[in-house]
Amino acid sequence: MFRRTLFQPLLSRLREERQFIQILAGPRQVGKTTLIRQVMAEIDLPTHYASADEPTLRDPTWIEQQWDLARLRAREGEGALLVLDEVQKIPDWSSVVKQLWDEDAIQSVPLKVVLLGSSPLLVQRGLTESLAGRFEIIQLPHWSFGEMRDAFGWEPERFAFFGGYPGSVSLIDDHDRWSRYIIDALIETTLSRDVLLMTRIDKPALLRRLFQLACAYSGQILAYQKMLGQLQDAGNTTTLSHYLDLLAGAGMVTGLPKFAGQRVRQRASSPKLQVLNTALIGAQCSLSFSEARQDRDFWGRMIESTVGAHLANSIVGTTMELFYWRERGKEVDFVLRRGEQVVAIEVKSGRGREAFPGMSAFDRAFAPQRKLLVGGQGVSLEEFLLTPVSHWLE
């Protein structure tokens, strides 16, 4: 059984009395559908599954039709489970779900509902607009190294290059085929179907180039003005920041803010670009796995991006926050915070640096609870990737 840590909480919630709509939100190919099918096989209730992942499905009536089928099954026995996949692709989906859910509450229909969405940003928008107080969210980030190791026997180096897409594992011995799968089935599908078709994008070419830039410069700090220069675009920094937020919401890349102790300054800072799955780098580079490991600078960037992706994915759905820090030529790769607890993390990756390690300077300025070195004579990459991130804050 895959994603065991997510399976049991969802099953337990669905075995309780009907209280909330359960939402599974996460990027493409992280196992949402597989997880819910495992739950459907275990829950001992009549179930009805339907997916809106069809280009022709654009009518809210589709939700009503699927709901009515599930209602019939619920009334025939002691309840039923309805699962709607890719629900965010239906216009005004949240208003329709709210109406139907409230009708069932009034009529005491014992129907339990799970909604799946591959665009967390758009799912969240619908929830806040219509379904306040009626839902719980289970966030599904990308697969961790521990999950890939347990399922496929991977070692840290393989995970660093090929990332955490389980559907691509059978293709990794053919680099060209693996690369095309990641680019065509994941990158292009996410951009064209989950972002460009679902949200108004005035400059779609800029969004695509920004994604490519973020992958090429993952682990590096770039001011928005410098990004515009790299992208050869006359747009404004607000548009660029918005597009980076959209890409983060789609589970592709994000921009880490600078740790400054003041949230206003954090929001205004130049972001540190970070992929959320290192396969996005490996698939777009011209190097094979063996060639990448021999390129010291490239491999060092992959290792640092692997650590950053692990941290960024691990804080999803928690109260933990992730930053970087840089001041006067000194840098700390990652800063993890939960409340008043702060952990500074330096990665010994072997890549060339524009800035010098700044752990001592950061220590003097912020007195973190823990100063952690990953790699070298510190915690091994494998141990770090297998340890829950919350452990370092204890």
Protein backbone atom coordinates (compact mmCIF):
# COMPACT_ATOMS: atom_id res chain seq x y z
CA MET A 1 0.00 0.00 0.00
CA PHE A 2 1.41 3.39 -1.03
CA ARG A 3 1.29 6.62 1.04
CA ARG A 4 0.44 4.78 4.27
CA THR A 5 0.77 7.91 6.40
CA LEU A 6 -2.10 9.51 4.43
CA PHE A 7 -4.28 6.40 4.05
CA GLN A 8 -5.18 5.85 7.70
CA PRO A 9 -6.15 9.45 8.56
CA LEU A 10 -8.50 9.61 5.55
CA LEU A 11 -10.05 6.21 6.28
CA SER A 12 -10.59 7.16 9.93
CA ARG A 13 -12.31 10.41 8.99
CA LEU A 14 -14.65 8.66 6.58
CA ARG A 15 -15.61 6.06 9.18
CA GLU A 16 -16.83 8.80 11.50
CA GLU A 17 -20.34 10.23 11.43
CA ARG A 18 -21.00 12.45 8.41
CA GLN A 19 -19.50 15.83 9.31
CA PHE A 20 -17.29 17.32 6.64
CA ILE A 21 -16.49 17.08 2.96
CA GLN A 22 -12.99 15.62 2.65
CA ILE A 23 -10.69 17.33 0.16
CA LEU A 24 -7.59 15.66 -1.29
CA ALA A 25 -5.50 18.38 -2.94
CA GLY A 26 -2.10 18.03 -4.56
CA PRO A 27 -0.16 18.19 -7.85
CA ARG A 28 -0.55 15.68 -10.66
CA GLN A 29 0.86 12.18 -10.24
CA VAL A 30 1.22 12.23 -6.44
CA GLY A 31 -1.22 9.36 -5.90
CA LYS A 32 -4.55 11.02 -5.08
CA THR A 33 -6.64 8.63 -7.18
CA THR A 34 -4.67 5.57 -6.06
CA LEU A 35 -5.08 6.60 -2.42
CA ILE A 36 -8.83 7.07 -2.66
CA ARG A 37 -9.29 3.77 -4.50
CA GLN A 38 -7.44 2.02 -1.67
CA VAL A 39 -9.79 3.71 0.80
CA MET A 40 -12.85 2.76 -1.27
CA ALA A 41 -11.77 -0.89 -1.15
CA GLU A 42 -11.43 -0.75 2.63
CA ILE A 43 -14.32 1.39 3.83
CA ASP A 44 -17.12 -1.23 3.62
CA LEU A 45 -19.66 1.18 2.09
CA PRO A 46 -21.24 1.44 -1.37
CA THR A 47 -19.08 3.83 -3.39
CA HIS A 48 -19.41 5.90 -6.55
CA TYR A 49 -16.36 7.38 -8.31
CA ALA A 50 -16.45 9.85 -11.20
CA SER A 51 -13.81 12.10 -12.77
CA ALA A 52 -14.20 15.47 -14.45
CA ASP A 53 -10.81 15.12 -16.16
CA GLU A 54 -12.33 15.35 -19.64
CA PRO A 55 -11.96 18.39 -21.90
CA THR A 56 -15.67 18.32 -22.80
CA LEU A 57 -16.93 18.39 -19.21
CA ARG A 58 -17.79 22.00 -18.37
CA ASP A 59 -21.34 21.78 -16.99
CA PRO A 60 -22.23 21.93 -13.25
CA THR A 61 -25.14 19.57 -14.04
CA TRP A 62 -22.53 16.79 -14.19
CA ILE A 63 -21.98 17.16 -10.44
CA GLU A 64 -25.72 16.91 -9.77
CA GLN A 65 -25.96 13.74 -11.87
CA GLN A 66 -23.12 12.03 -10.04
CA TRP A 67 -24.47 13.16 -6.68
CA ASP A 68 -27.93 11.73 -7.42
CA LEU A 69 -26.42 8.33 -8.26
CA ALA A 70 -24.60 8.30 -4.94
CA ARG A 71 -27.71 9.41 -3.07
CA LEU A 72 -29.59 6.39 -4.39
CA ARG A 73 -26.91 4.08 -3.03
CA ALA A 74 -26.88 5.89 0.31
CA ARG A 75 -30.65 5.56 0.74
CA GLU A 76 -30.61 1.88 -0.16
CA GLY A 77 -28.39 1.04 2.81
CA GLU A 78 -26.69 2.74 5.73
CA GLY A 79 -24.80 5.28 3.70
CA ALA A 80 -22.47 5.63 0.72
CA LEU A 81 -19.28 7.34 -0.38
CA LEU A 82 -19.14 9.73 -3.35
CA VAL A 83 -15.75 10.57 -4.89
CA LEU A 84 -15.46 13.37 -7.47
CA ASP A 85 -12.03 13.66 -9.11
CA GLU A 86 -10.64 16.84 -10.75
CA VAL A 87 -13.69 18.69 -9.46
CA GLN A 88 -12.10 22.14 -9.88
CA LYS A 89 -12.54 21.81 -13.66
CA ILE A 90 -16.31 22.29 -13.37
CA PRO A 91 -17.39 25.95 -13.39
CA ASP A 92 -18.92 27.12 -10.11
CA TRP A 93 -18.31 23.66 -8.64
CA SER A 94 -18.13 24.85 -5.05
CA SER A 95 -21.57 26.51 -5.13
CA VAL A 96 -23.16 23.36 -6.55
CA VAL A 97 -21.44 21.15 -3.96
CA LYS A 98 -22.54 23.49 -1.16
CA GLN A 99 -26.17 23.35 -2.29
CA LEU A 100 -26.22 19.55 -2.57
CA TRP A 101 -24.34 19.02 0.69
CA ASP A 102 -26.74 21.30 2.58
CA GLU A 103 -29.76 19.55 1.05
CA ASP A 104 -28.44 16.20 2.30
CA ALA A 105 -27.86 17.65 5.76
CA ILE A 106 -31.48 18.84 5.97
CA GLN A 107 -32.82 15.48 4.71
CA SER A 108 -30.33 13.42 6.78
CA VAL A 109 -28.96 11.62 3.72
CA PRO A 110 -25.97 9.57 4.98
CA LEU A 111 -23.72 10.44 2.02
CA LYS A 112 -20.03 11.00 2.58
CA VAL A 113 -18.13 13.02 0.00
CA VAL A 114 -14.49 13.18 -1.07
CA LEU A 115 -13.31 15.72 -3.65
CA LEU A 116 -9.97 15.42 -5.47
CA GLY A 117 -8.18 18.26 -7.21
CA SER A 118 -4.84 18.54 -8.99
CA SER A 119 -4.71 22.32 -8.72
CA PRO A 120 -4.52 23.13 -4.99
CA LEU A 121 -4.68 26.88 -5.64
CA LEU A 122 -7.98 26.61 -7.53
CA VAL A 123 -9.43 24.09 -5.10
CA GLN A 124 -8.65 26.44 -2.21
CA ARG A 125 -10.29 29.35 -4.01
CA GLY A 126 -13.54 27.42 -4.41
CA LEU A 127 -13.50 26.29 -0.80
CA THR A 128 -13.08 29.77 0.64
CA GLU A 129 -15.78 31.19 -1.65
CA SER A 130 -18.58 28.73 -0.90
CA LEU A 131 -17.76 25.88 1.45
CA ALA A 132 -16.63 27.60 4.63
CA GLY A 133 -17.13 25.34 7.65
CA ARG A 134 -18.03 22.30 5.55
CA PHE A 135 -14.68 20.75 4.64
CA GLU A 136 -11.36 19.33 5.80
CA ILE A 137 -8.26 19.23 3.61
CA ILE A 138 -5.65 16.49 3.30
CA GLN A 139 -2.72 17.95 1.37
CA LEU A 140 -0.75 15.49 -0.78
CA PRO A 141 2.75 16.77 -1.58
CA HIS A 142 5.18 15.07 -3.94
CA TRP A 143 6.50 11.65 -2.95
CA SER A 144 9.31 11.72 -0.41
CA PHE A 145 12.58 9.83 -0.65
CA GLY A 146 11.37 7.42 2.03
CA GLU A 147 8.29 6.57 -0.03
CA MET A 148 10.30 6.09 -3.22
CA ARG A 149 12.84 3.94 -1.34
CA ASP A 150 10.17 1.74 0.22
CA ALA A 151 8.22 1.34 -3.02
CA PHE A 152 11.07 1.04 -5.54
CA GLY A 153 14.29 0.51 -3.59
CA TRP A 154 15.80 3.86 -4.58
CA GLU A 155 18.96 5.34 -3.06
CA PRO A 156 19.31 9.11 -2.39
CA GLU A 157 21.33 9.82 -5.56
CA ARG A 158 18.69 8.29 -7.82
CA PHE A 159 15.98 10.23 -6.01
CA ALA A 160 17.97 13.48 -6.37
CA PHE A 161 18.07 13.17 -10.16
CA PHE A 162 14.81 11.42 -11.05
CA GLY A 163 12.69 13.00 -8.32
CA GLY A 164 9.48 11.70 -6.81
CA TYR A 165 7.08 10.84 -9.64
CA PRO A 166 6.17 7.15 -9.12
CA GLY A 167 4.58 6.85 -12.55
CA SER A 168 7.91 7.52 -14.24
CA VAL A 169 9.95 4.83 -12.46
CA SER A 170 9.63 2.21 -15.19
CA LEU A 171 11.14 4.64 -17.72
CA ILE A 172 14.33 5.78 -16.00
CA ASP A 173 16.61 3.31 -17.82
CA ASP A 174 15.76 5.10 -21.06
CA HIS A 175 16.69 8.72 -20.31
CA ASP A 176 15.15 10.21 -23.46
CA ARG A 177 11.86 8.41 -22.95
CA TRP A 178 11.78 9.31 -19.24
CA SER A 179 12.54 12.93 -20.04
CA ARG A 180 9.78 13.16 -22.65
CA TYR A 181 7.29 11.63 -20.22
CA ILE A 182 8.09 14.22 -17.55
CA ILE A 183 7.96 17.09 -20.04
CA ASP A 184 4.90 16.01 -22.03
CA ALA A 185 2.72 14.20 -19.48
CA LEU A 186 3.52 16.25 -16.39
CA ILE A 187 5.05 19.64 -17.16
CA GLU A 188 3.05 20.45 -20.29
CA THR A 189 -0.18 18.99 -18.92
CA THR A 190 0.12 20.94 -15.69
CA LEU A 191 0.89 24.22 -17.47
CA SER A 192 -1.68 23.93 -20.25
CA ARG A 193 -4.55 22.29 -18.36
CA ASP A 194 -4.11 23.14 -14.70
CA VAL A 195 -2.82 26.69 -14.98
CA LEU A 196 -3.38 28.31 -18.38
CA LEU A 197 -6.92 26.98 -18.91
CA MET A 198 -8.06 27.46 -15.33
CA THR A 199 -6.80 30.98 -14.59
CA ARG A 200 -6.57 34.13 -16.65
CA ILE A 201 -2.96 34.49 -17.82
CA ASP A 202 -2.26 37.65 -19.80
CA LYS A 203 1.25 36.52 -20.76
CA PRO A 204 1.28 32.72 -21.12
CA ALA A 205 4.70 32.75 -22.80
CA LEU A 206 6.13 34.62 -19.80
CA LEU A 207 4.65 32.03 -17.43
CA ARG A 208 6.32 29.20 -19.36
CA ARG A 209 9.66 30.98 -19.50
CA LEU A 210 9.46 31.74 -15.79
CA PHE A 211 8.95 28.05 -15.06
CA GLN A 212 11.98 27.14 -17.17
CA LEU A 213 14.04 29.86 -15.48
CA ALA A 214 13.04 28.61 -12.02
CA CYS A 215 14.16 25.09 -12.92
CA ALA A 216 17.45 26.31 -14.41
CA TYR A 217 18.20 28.51 -11.38
CA SER A 218 16.77 26.32 -8.63
CA GLY A 219 18.74 26.97 -5.45
CA GLN A 220 19.69 30.50 -6.51
CA ILE A 221 18.43 33.89 -5.35
CA LEU A 222 17.17 36.14 -8.15
CA ALA A 223 15.65 39.59 -7.85
CA TYR A 224 12.44 40.01 -9.85
CA GLN A 225 14.04 42.74 -11.95
CA LYS A 226 16.90 40.40 -12.80
CA MET A 227 14.40 37.71 -13.73
CA LEU A 228 12.69 40.10 -16.13
CA GLY A 229 16.06 40.75 -17.73
CA GLN A 230 16.70 37.02 -18.07
CA LEU A 231 13.25 36.54 -19.53
CA GLN A 232 13.65 39.49 -21.91
CA ASP A 233 10.23 40.79 -20.97
CA ALA A 234 9.03 44.30 -20.26
CA GLY A 235 6.45 43.11 -17.72
CA ASN A 236 6.27 44.23 -14.12
CA THR A 237 7.48 42.48 -10.99
CA THR A 238 3.93 42.12 -9.62
CA THR A 239 2.95 39.96 -12.60
CA LEU A 240 6.08 37.87 -12.17
CA SER A 241 5.40 37.36 -8.46
CA HIS A 242 1.80 36.35 -9.23
CA TYR A 243 2.92 33.84 -11.85
CA LEU A 244 5.43 32.35 -9.43
CA ASP A 245 2.59 31.93 -6.90
CA LEU A 246 0.52 30.12 -9.56
CA LEU A 247 3.40 27.75 -10.33
CA ALA A 248 3.79 27.07 -6.61
CA GLY A 249 0.06 26.41 -6.33
CA ALA A 250 0.38 23.85 -9.12
CA GLY A 251 3.14 22.05 -7.19
CA MET A 252 5.92 22.85 -9.67
CA VAL A 253 8.28 25.57 -8.41
CA THR A 254 8.20 28.15 -5.66
CA GLY A 255 10.08 31.21 -4.48
CA LEU A 256 11.37 31.06 -0.91
CA PRO A 257 11.31 34.42 0.89
CA LYS A 258 14.24 35.86 2.79
CA PHE A 259 14.22 35.38 6.56
CA ALA A 260 14.35 38.79 8.17
CA GLY A 261 12.36 38.49 11.39
CA GLN A 262 9.86 40.97 9.90
CA ARG A 263 7.11 39.63 7.64
CA VAL A 264 6.84 42.85 5.59
CA ARG A 265 10.50 42.61 4.59
CA GLN A 266 10.13 38.89 3.88
CA ARG A 267 7.38 39.51 1.35
CA ALA A 268 9.36 42.23 -0.40
CA SER A 269 12.58 40.22 -0.66
CA SER A 270 14.13 38.64 -3.74
CA PRO A 271 13.00 34.99 -3.83
CA LYS A 272 15.21 31.92 -3.78
CA LEU A 273 13.94 29.76 -6.63
CA GLN A 274 13.15 26.18 -5.68
CA VAL A 275 11.71 23.27 -7.65
CA LEU A 276 9.23 21.11 -5.74
CA ASN A 277 10.27 17.94 -7.56
CA THR A 278 13.84 17.56 -8.83
CA ALA A 279 12.62 15.52 -11.81
CA LEU A 280 11.69 18.89 -13.30
CA ILE A 281 15.41 19.73 -13.47
CA GLY A 282 16.66 16.30 -14.54
CA ALA A 283 14.19 15.99 -17.40
CA GLN A 284 15.11 19.36 -18.91
CA CYS A 285 18.89 19.04 -18.70
CA SER A 286 21.05 17.48 -21.40
CA LEU A 287 22.90 15.20 -18.98
CA SER A 288 22.26 11.55 -18.22
CA PHE A 289 22.18 10.34 -14.61
CA SER A 290 25.83 9.23 -14.71
CA GLU A 291 26.95 12.41 -16.48
CA ALA A 292 25.09 14.59 -14.00
CA ARG A 293 26.87 12.96 -11.04
CA GLN A 294 30.25 13.69 -12.65
CA ASP A 295 29.44 17.40 -13.14
CA ARG A 296 30.35 18.76 -9.71
CA ASP A 297 28.58 22.10 -9.98
CA PHE A 298 25.39 20.65 -11.52
CA TRP A 299 25.25 17.77 -9.05
CA GLY A 300 25.80 20.12 -6.12
CA ARG A 301 22.81 22.16 -7.30
CA MET A 302 20.73 18.99 -7.58
CA ILE A 303 21.59 17.99 -4.02
CA GLU A 304 20.71 21.41 -2.65
CA SER A 305 17.47 21.41 -4.65
CA THR A 306 16.68 17.93 -3.28
CA VAL A 307 17.07 19.21 0.29
CA GLY A 308 14.99 22.29 -0.50
CA ALA A 309 12.22 20.26 -2.17
CA HIS A 310 12.13 17.90 0.82
CA LEU A 311 11.72 20.84 3.19
CA ALA A 312 9.15 22.64 1.03
CA ASN A 313 7.01 19.52 0.56
CA SER A 314 7.25 18.55 4.23
CA ILE A 315 5.80 21.84 5.50
CA VAL A 316 2.65 21.56 3.35
CA GLY A 317 -0.41 21.57 5.59
CA THR A 318 1.61 22.42 8.72
CA THR A 319 2.44 25.57 10.69
CA MET A 320 6.11 25.36 9.67
CA GLU A 321 7.59 28.01 7.36
CA LEU A 322 10.63 27.87 5.08
CA PHE A 323 13.01 30.70 4.15
CA TYR A 324 16.58 31.44 3.09
CA TRP A 325 18.90 34.08 4.56
CA ARG A 326 21.54 36.24 2.90
CA GLU A 327 23.24 39.38 4.12
CA ARG A 328 26.43 41.09 2.97
CA GLY A 329 27.76 38.16 1.02
CA LYS A 330 26.98 35.58 3.70
CA GLU A 331 24.23 33.01 3.21
CA VAL A 332 22.31 30.28 5.02
CA ASP A 333 20.72 27.87 2.57
CA PHE A 334 17.47 27.26 4.44
CA VAL A 335 15.78 28.59 7.56
CA LEU A 336 12.96 26.56 9.08
CA ARG A 337 10.58 28.23 11.52
CA ARG A 338 7.61 27.15 13.63
CA GLY A 339 6.37 29.84 15.94
CA GLU A 340 9.41 31.14 17.83
CA GLN A 341 11.52 28.07 17.01
CA VAL A 342 14.12 28.59 14.29
CA VAL A 343 16.51 26.09 12.68
CA ALA A 344 19.28 27.15 10.28
CA ILE A 345 20.28 24.57 7.65
CA GLU A 346 23.44 24.57 5.55
CA VAL A 347 23.89 22.07 2.71
CA LYS A 348 27.37 20.77 1.91
CA SER A 349 26.66 20.13 -1.75
CA GLY A 350 29.99 20.81 -3.45
CA ARG A 351 28.66 23.41 -5.89
CA GLY A 352 30.35 26.74 -6.44
CA ARG A 353 29.01 29.62 -4.35
CA GLU A 354 28.46 33.30 -4.94
CA ALA A 355 28.18 33.83 -1.19
CA PHE A 356 30.10 32.43 1.76
CA PRO A 357 28.48 30.25 4.44
CA GLY A 358 26.88 32.55 6.96
CA MET A 359 25.95 30.27 9.85
CA SER A 360 28.00 32.22 12.41
CA ALA A 361 26.56 35.56 11.29
CA PHE A 362 23.01 34.16 11.33
CA ASP A 363 23.62 32.71 14.80
CA ARG A 364 24.69 36.12 16.12
CA ALA A 365 21.69 37.85 14.55
CA PHE A 366 18.89 35.37 15.34
CA ALA A 367 20.19 32.75 17.84
CA PRO A 368 18.50 29.72 16.20
CA GLN A 369 17.61 26.69 18.33
CA ARG A 370 19.61 24.42 16.04
CA LYS A 371 22.31 24.85 13.39
CA LEU A 372 22.23 21.88 11.04
CA LEU A 373 24.74 20.76 8.42
CA VAL A 374 23.53 18.34 5.74
CA GLY A 375 26.30 16.42 3.97
CA GLY A 376 30.03 16.54 4.57
CA GLN A 377 30.70 15.90 8.26
CA GLY A 378 27.11 16.65 9.21
CA VAL A 379 23.89 14.67 8.85
CA SER A 380 24.04 12.46 5.75
CA LEU A 381 21.69 13.26 2.90
CA GLU A 382 19.94 9.91 3.34
CA GLU A 383 19.36 10.44 7.07
CA PHE A 384 18.09 13.96 6.50
CA LEU A 385 15.64 12.86 3.80
CA LEU A 386 14.34 10.03 5.99
CA THR A 387 13.85 12.19 9.10
CA PRO A 388 10.55 14.05 9.58
CA VAL A 389 11.29 17.76 9.23
CA SER A 390 9.41 18.51 12.45
CA HIS A 391 12.08 16.50 14.30
CA TRP A 392 14.64 19.27 13.80
CA LEU A 393 12.32 21.72 15.58
CA GLU A 394 11.91 19.58 18.68
